[in-house]
Protein backbone atom coordinates (compact mmCIF):
# COMPACT_ATOMS: atom_id res chain seq x y z
CA MET A 1 34.23 88.02 33.31
CA GLN A 2 36.00 90.74 31.37
CA THR A 3 39.78 90.92 30.99
CA HIS A 4 42.35 92.41 28.64
CA ALA A 5 44.54 90.61 26.13
CA ILE A 6 46.68 91.27 23.07
CA ARG A 7 44.92 90.20 19.88
CA LEU A 8 46.02 89.99 16.23
CA GLU A 9 43.66 90.36 13.30
CA ALA A 10 46.42 89.72 10.73
CA ALA A 11 50.14 89.08 10.48
CA GLY A 12 52.49 92.02 10.28
CA ASP A 13 54.88 94.31 12.13
CA PRO A 14 54.51 95.00 15.87
CA SER A 15 51.76 97.56 15.25
CA VAL A 16 49.28 94.73 14.53
CA MET A 17 49.21 93.87 18.25
CA GLN A 18 46.24 95.49 19.96
CA LEU A 19 45.28 95.39 23.64
CA VAL A 20 41.53 94.74 23.74
CA GLU A 21 38.86 93.78 26.26
CA ILE A 22 37.65 90.20 25.93
CA ASP A 23 35.13 87.92 27.59
CA LEU A 24 36.68 85.15 29.67
CA PRO A 25 34.34 82.26 30.53
CA ASP A 26 34.70 79.99 33.52
CA PRO A 27 37.33 77.28 33.03
CA ALA A 28 36.14 74.19 31.18
CA PRO A 29 36.66 70.67 32.56
CA GLY A 30 40.38 70.01 32.86
CA GLU A 31 41.23 73.72 32.83
CA VAL A 32 42.22 76.30 35.43
CA GLN A 33 41.76 80.05 35.32
CA LEU A 34 44.97 81.99 35.92
CA ARG A 35 45.70 85.55 36.90
CA HIS A 36 49.01 86.24 35.21
CA THR A 37 51.74 87.89 37.27
CA ALA A 38 54.43 87.92 34.56
CA ILE A 39 54.46 86.98 30.87
CA GLY A 40 57.48 85.75 28.95
CA VAL A 41 58.47 87.35 25.63
CA ASN A 42 60.28 85.01 23.24
CA PHE A 43 61.56 85.22 19.68
CA ILE A 44 59.01 82.64 18.59
CA ASP A 45 56.33 85.22 19.44
CA THR A 46 57.69 87.45 16.68
CA TYR A 47 57.48 84.54 14.23
CA HIS A 48 53.79 84.03 15.05
CA ARG A 49 53.11 87.76 14.80
CA SER A 50 54.99 88.28 11.52
CA GLY A 51 53.56 85.23 9.76
CA LEU A 52 56.85 83.30 9.57
CA TYR A 53 55.02 80.64 11.58
CA PRO A 54 51.42 80.86 10.29
CA VAL A 55 48.55 81.06 12.79
CA LYS A 56 44.79 81.29 12.34
CA PHE A 57 43.43 84.82 12.78
CA PRO A 58 42.08 86.41 14.85
CA SER A 59 44.61 85.13 17.34
CA GLY A 60 46.16 85.65 20.73
CA LEU A 61 49.93 85.77 21.12
CA GLY A 62 52.52 84.36 23.48
CA GLN A 63 53.16 80.90 24.87
CA GLU A 64 54.76 81.44 28.28
CA ALA A 65 53.69 82.99 31.58
CA ALA A 66 53.50 82.62 35.33
CA GLY A 67 50.50 83.28 37.50
CA VAL A 68 48.19 82.31 40.31
CA VAL A 69 45.35 79.80 40.06
CA GLU A 70 42.03 81.57 40.64
CA LYS A 71 39.44 79.00 39.53
CA LEU A 72 39.41 75.25 38.91
CA GLY A 73 37.52 73.49 36.17
CA GLU A 74 35.78 70.19 36.77
CA GLY A 75 38.14 67.26 37.29
CA VAL A 76 41.29 69.26 38.12
CA THR A 77 43.07 67.66 41.06
CA ASP A 78 46.74 68.54 40.57
CA PHE A 79 46.30 72.20 41.60
CA LYS A 80 44.33 74.30 44.06
CA VAL A 81 43.27 77.94 44.14
CA GLY A 82 46.25 80.12 45.12
CA ASP A 83 48.93 77.86 43.65
CA ARG A 84 51.79 79.55 41.80
CA VAL A 85 52.21 77.95 38.40
CA ALA A 86 53.92 78.53 35.07
CA TYR A 87 53.80 77.17 31.56
CA PRO A 88 56.53 77.24 28.89
CA ASN A 89 54.69 76.19 25.76
CA GLY A 90 50.97 76.74 26.09
CA PRO A 91 48.40 77.49 23.43
CA LEU A 92 48.79 80.99 22.00
CA GLY A 93 47.34 83.63 24.29
CA SER A 94 49.70 84.28 27.20
CA TYR A 95 49.75 88.02 26.42
CA ALA A 96 46.72 88.54 28.67
CA ARG A 97 45.85 89.56 32.21
CA GLN A 98 43.85 86.39 32.83
CA ARG A 99 43.29 83.26 30.82
CA ASN A 100 42.09 79.67 31.02
CA MET A 101 44.73 76.99 30.58
CA PRO A 102 44.70 73.19 30.40
CA ALA A 103 45.91 72.03 33.79
CA ALA A 104 48.05 69.37 32.08
CA ARG A 105 50.19 72.13 30.54
CA LEU A 106 51.07 73.77 33.88
CA VAL A 107 53.99 73.17 36.21
CA PRO A 108 54.30 74.26 39.85
CA ILE A 109 56.77 77.05 40.64
CA PRO A 110 59.02 75.96 43.51
CA ASP A 111 59.65 78.20 46.51
CA GLY A 112 62.71 80.32 45.86
CA ILE A 113 61.95 80.83 42.15
CA SER A 114 60.28 84.19 41.41
CA ASP A 115 57.34 84.56 39.07
CA GLU A 116 59.41 86.82 36.79
CA VAL A 117 62.21 84.26 36.53
CA ALA A 118 59.70 81.47 35.86
CA ALA A 119 57.77 83.47 33.25
CA GLY A 120 60.84 84.96 31.60
CA SER A 121 62.99 81.86 31.44
CA LEU A 122 61.05 78.58 31.68
CA MET A 123 60.72 78.15 27.92
CA ARG A 124 64.37 79.09 27.47
CA GLY A 125 65.51 76.95 30.36
CA MET A 126 63.64 73.91 29.10
CA THR A 127 65.03 74.61 25.64
CA ALA A 128 68.54 74.58 27.10
CA GLN A 129 67.66 71.37 28.94
CA TYR A 130 66.69 69.42 25.84
CA LEU A 131 69.51 70.92 23.75
CA LEU A 132 72.26 70.01 26.21
CA LYS A 133 70.90 66.78 27.68
CA GLN A 134 68.74 65.23 24.96
CA THR A 135 69.38 66.52 21.42
CA PHE A 136 73.12 66.19 22.02
CA GLU A 137 74.32 65.05 25.41
CA VAL A 138 77.09 67.36 26.59
CA LYS A 139 79.70 65.55 28.66
CA PRO A 140 82.72 66.66 30.70
CA GLY A 141 85.75 67.56 28.61
CA MET A 142 83.82 68.48 25.45
CA THR A 143 84.12 71.84 23.75
CA VAL A 144 80.84 73.25 22.41
CA LEU A 145 79.91 76.33 20.38
CA ILE A 146 76.82 78.29 21.45
CA HIS A 147 75.65 81.25 19.39
CA ALA A 148 73.89 84.32 20.80
CA ALA A 149 75.55 83.70 24.16
CA ALA A 150 74.21 86.97 25.59
CA GLY A 151 70.59 86.12 24.76
CA GLY A 152 68.00 84.42 26.90
CA VAL A 153 68.65 80.83 25.82
CA GLY A 154 72.35 81.54 25.33
CA GLN A 155 73.05 82.73 28.85
CA ILE A 156 71.29 79.73 30.37
CA ALA A 157 72.80 77.20 27.96
CA CYS A 158 76.35 78.50 28.38
CA GLN A 159 76.17 78.33 32.17
CA TRP A 160 74.53 74.91 32.12
CA ALA A 161 77.09 73.53 29.66
CA GLN A 162 79.88 74.72 31.95
CA ALA A 163 78.12 73.07 34.90
CA LEU A 164 78.14 69.84 32.86
CA GLY A 165 81.92 70.13 32.51
CA ALA A 166 82.19 71.48 28.97
CA THR A 167 84.41 74.22 27.61
CA VAL A 168 82.09 76.83 26.12
CA ILE A 169 82.84 78.98 23.10
CA GLY A 170 80.14 81.63 22.84
CA THR A 171 79.42 84.15 20.11
CA ALA A 172 77.62 87.48 20.23
CA GLY A 173 76.80 90.25 17.78
CA SER A 174 78.56 93.23 19.35
CA GLU A 175 81.29 94.07 21.83
CA ALA A 176 78.65 95.11 24.37
CA LYS A 177 76.99 91.69 24.10
CA CYS A 178 80.37 89.97 24.28
CA ARG A 179 80.96 91.70 27.62
CA LEU A 180 77.64 90.32 28.84
CA ALA A 181 78.51 86.81 27.66
CA ARG A 182 82.04 86.58 29.08
CA PRO A 183 81.02 85.59 32.62
CA PHE A 184 79.19 82.56 31.15
CA CYS A 185 81.78 81.38 28.60
CA ASP A 186 85.37 80.23 28.42
CA HIS A 187 85.88 82.06 25.12
CA VAL A 188 83.72 84.72 23.44
CA ILE A 189 83.78 85.73 19.77
CA ASP A 190 82.19 88.84 18.24
CA TYR A 191 80.96 87.32 14.98
CA THR A 192 80.36 90.76 13.44
CA ASN A 193 84.08 91.51 13.19
CA GLU A 194 85.76 88.11 13.36
CA HIS A 195 85.34 84.89 11.35
CA PHE A 196 84.13 82.72 14.20
CA ALA A 197 84.77 79.38 12.46
CA GLU A 198 88.46 80.22 12.05
CA ARG A 199 88.68 81.15 15.73
CA VAL A 200 86.92 77.93 16.72
CA HIS A 201 89.51 75.89 14.85
CA LEU A 202 92.33 77.85 16.49
CA LEU A 203 90.83 77.19 19.92
CA THR A 204 90.37 73.47 19.23
CA GLY A 205 93.71 72.68 17.62
CA ASN A 206 92.02 72.65 14.20
CA GLN A 207 89.71 69.84 15.32
CA GLY A 208 86.42 71.72 15.34
CA VAL A 209 83.64 71.10 17.83
CA PRO A 210 81.30 68.09 18.07
CA VAL A 211 78.19 70.26 18.32
CA VAL A 212 77.05 73.78 17.49
CA TYR A 213 73.90 75.19 19.09
CA ASP A 214 72.60 77.80 16.64
CA GLY A 215 69.55 79.92 17.37
CA VAL A 216 70.63 82.69 14.99
CA GLY A 217 69.86 81.02 11.66
CA ALA A 218 70.79 82.43 8.28
CA ALA A 219 73.65 84.71 9.40
CA THR A 220 75.62 81.95 11.14
CA PHE A 221 74.62 78.81 9.23
CA GLU A 222 77.65 78.44 6.95
CA GLY A 223 80.08 79.33 9.72
CA SER A 224 78.40 76.86 12.04
CA LEU A 225 78.94 74.03 9.55
CA ALA A 226 82.56 75.13 9.11
CA SER A 227 83.07 75.02 12.90
CA LEU A 228 82.12 71.36 13.25
CA ALA A 229 84.43 68.39 13.53
CA PRO A 230 83.78 65.53 11.08
CA ARG A 231 80.46 63.82 11.88
CA GLY A 232 79.56 66.78 14.12
CA LEU A 233 76.01 67.92 14.75
CA LEU A 234 74.52 71.33 13.96
CA VAL A 235 71.52 71.95 16.20
CA SER A 236 69.59 74.71 14.43
CA PHE A 237 66.91 75.74 16.91
CA GLY A 238 66.04 79.32 15.94
CA ASN A 239 65.92 81.94 13.20
CA ALA A 240 66.82 85.24 14.90
CA SER A 241 68.54 86.51 11.72
CA GLY A 242 66.08 84.83 9.37
CA PRO A 243 65.50 81.23 8.28
CA VAL A 244 68.29 79.11 6.86
CA PRO A 245 68.00 79.15 3.04
CA PRO A 246 67.45 75.92 1.11
CA PHE A 247 70.59 73.84 0.50
CA SER A 248 71.60 70.50 -0.93
CA PRO A 249 72.24 67.63 1.50
CA ASN A 250 75.51 67.17 -0.40
CA LEU A 251 76.78 70.20 1.53
CA LEU A 252 76.74 68.13 4.72
CA ALA A 253 78.78 65.42 3.02
CA SER A 254 81.36 67.86 1.70
CA LYS A 255 81.85 69.41 5.16
CA GLY A 256 82.63 66.08 6.85
CA SER A 257 79.52 63.86 6.89
CA LEU A 258 77.79 66.30 9.22
CA TYR A 259 74.43 65.96 10.93
CA LEU A 260 71.74 68.63 11.10
CA THR A 261 68.62 68.76 13.28
CA ARG A 262 65.87 71.33 13.79
CA PRO A 263 64.33 70.50 17.18
CA THR A 264 61.42 72.17 18.97
CA LEU A 265 60.40 72.21 22.61
CA GLY A 266 56.98 70.76 21.80
CA ASN A 267 58.51 67.52 20.54
CA TYR A 268 60.62 67.08 23.67
CA ALA A 269 57.87 68.00 26.15
CA SER A 270 55.06 66.18 24.39
CA THR A 271 53.85 64.29 27.49
CA ARG A 272 53.02 65.52 30.98
CA ALA A 273 55.80 63.39 32.45
CA GLU A 274 58.36 64.95 30.09
CA LEU A 275 57.08 68.45 30.84
CA LEU A 276 57.31 68.00 34.60
CA ALA A 277 60.73 66.33 34.47
CA MET A 278 62.28 68.97 32.23
CA ALA A 279 60.83 71.86 34.25
CA ALA A 280 62.00 70.30 37.51
CA ASP A 281 65.50 69.78 36.09
CA TYR A 282 65.66 73.42 35.02
CA PHE A 283 64.32 74.85 38.27
CA ALA A 284 66.80 72.68 40.20
CA ILE A 285 69.84 74.01 38.31
CA VAL A 286 68.62 77.58 38.90
CA ALA A 287 67.99 76.91 42.60
CA SER A 288 71.50 75.47 42.90
CA GLY A 289 73.03 78.77 41.78
CA ARG A 290 74.94 77.15 38.93
CA VAL A 291 72.66 78.89 36.42
CA ARG A 292 71.80 82.50 37.13
CA VAL A 293 68.87 84.06 35.29
CA THR A 294 68.65 87.77 34.56
CA VAL A 295 65.38 89.49 33.74
CA ASN A 296 66.72 92.63 32.10
CA GLN A 297 63.63 94.06 30.41
CA ARG A 298 60.14 94.66 31.80
CA TYR A 299 57.30 96.23 29.83
CA PRO A 300 53.65 96.85 30.68
CA LEU A 301 51.35 94.52 28.77
CA ALA A 302 50.08 97.51 26.80
CA ASP A 303 53.64 98.07 25.51
CA ALA A 304 54.03 94.59 24.01
CA ALA A 305 54.67 96.13 20.57
CA GLN A 306 57.71 98.00 21.89
CA ALA A 307 58.98 94.80 23.48
CA HIS A 308 58.84 93.14 20.05
CA ARG A 309 60.59 96.09 18.37
CA ASP A 310 63.42 95.92 20.88
CA LEU A 311 63.68 92.14 20.62
CA GLU A 312 63.84 92.17 16.81
CA ALA A 313 66.38 95.02 16.88
CA ARG A 314 68.60 92.81 19.08
CA LYS A 315 68.46 95.42 21.84
CA THR A 316 67.49 92.98 24.58
CA THR A 317 69.65 90.76 26.74
CA GLY A 318 68.73 88.00 29.13
CA SER A 319 65.01 87.55 29.68
CA THR A 320 62.14 89.91 28.89
CA VAL A 321 58.75 89.96 30.59
CA LEU A 322 55.45 91.78 30.23
CA ILE A 323 53.78 92.86 33.46
CA PRO A 324 49.95 92.63 33.26
């Protein structure tokens, strides 16, 4: 059959994304064919497009979507035609109207969770899940620092950390974004006009925090280290402002025998059991109402380039989806 998908012939700015007609074969054994209903747009997509994370060209783009099962490949027993499913970390190619996907990479969407919420937040929600419950286990009474609190991961992580009993200090890059973050945080800092590490120490009685969740990268790296208590952990999970520059490990010693990790979702959801458990945990916290997800931007699939421009210009808040 024929369908439409975004394809890249080379790395570059958003203009390299082209919507083209492609041939889609029947699903292979172990695969299902999906009709996408909503497609998630994530910062990692810009890394693949720009070449920061190299891919083999020509290439599809996007790792997250929700849709309906239309065909089953041989041997697929976990799903049936008509099932609503989503995936947070699939092979590149979610920017498409239809695609074939390994059934083992799909999770069912529970009743009460919309396709847009699933597509626009599953990757971010599962990221928040492993950050808060696996990379560093947040416990009641802790104070944590979460950067980009108005962003997609930030809004979910701040709410979930509060649900776990933590005091949340959030940062954002403008007063407008601080206003968005305040409902999800105990304290909010505009890091463009205030030295956030100094404020963190004021808020913690000069103790610092045991963990910093930093998806911003270069712009916040030094301040994140300065915000930590001795033997604290910096969880660097994104590069929204650019990658962290090279540094000597002696810097960690001089700041208080600090720890640094650079986790990825793929390493935490590397088995089907992990994938299903993490997705179920995330959908359950959303269904409970303790984490509210906002899908604030919707673009037609043909306007994927504009979605990337807005994302890289830090004009987006909450989740962003493409509508096929």
